[in-house]
Amino acid sequence: MSVVKTVTVKAGQPHAFKVFTAGFATWWPSSHHIGKADMAEAIMEQRDGGRWYERGVDGSECDWGTVLVYDPPNRVVLSWHLNGEWAYDPDPAKASEVEVRFIAEGPDVTRVELEHRHFERHGGNWEAVARGVDTENGWAGLLRGYADIAAA
């Protein structure tokens, strides 16, 4: 099973990619965190093998996964290590993947396609993960918020 969402961004492909990755903290809502402390920022390192994680207001860090592919300005692939209880599971065999593709539709318009796949790797509670990200409060709403920030 996969969850697929698409959003059109009123920005060129390089800018859309940069806001999604380097500007991750500008559009990821602080309400979407799993750390014990309130979230100060969400961070996505811009390199293959980098981390994506949150930093709490107390300086603590909480991993979400790994940057599997960093291919600017075309795509980024992330491992998703949050299980059905929205807790970090470091086992890469139990991680799903999020691939985000940035397709130029013109000099100032980019179609962003997001596919969250391999939910079955989460084991017995994989459906909870899939349901959680396939809601208005999941990828659909997150991408709309991202598109608004990228277009500003």
Foldseek 3Di string as FASTA:
>chain_A
DKDKDKDKAQAALQLLQCCVAVVVFVQDDQVPADDPARFPGWHHDQDAFTWTWTAHPVRDIFTQFGFHDRDPSFKTKTWGQQALVRHGDPPSQLTWMKMWGWDGPDRRMTMIMIMTDDLCSNPPNSVSVVVVQNDCVHDVVSVVSSSVVSRD
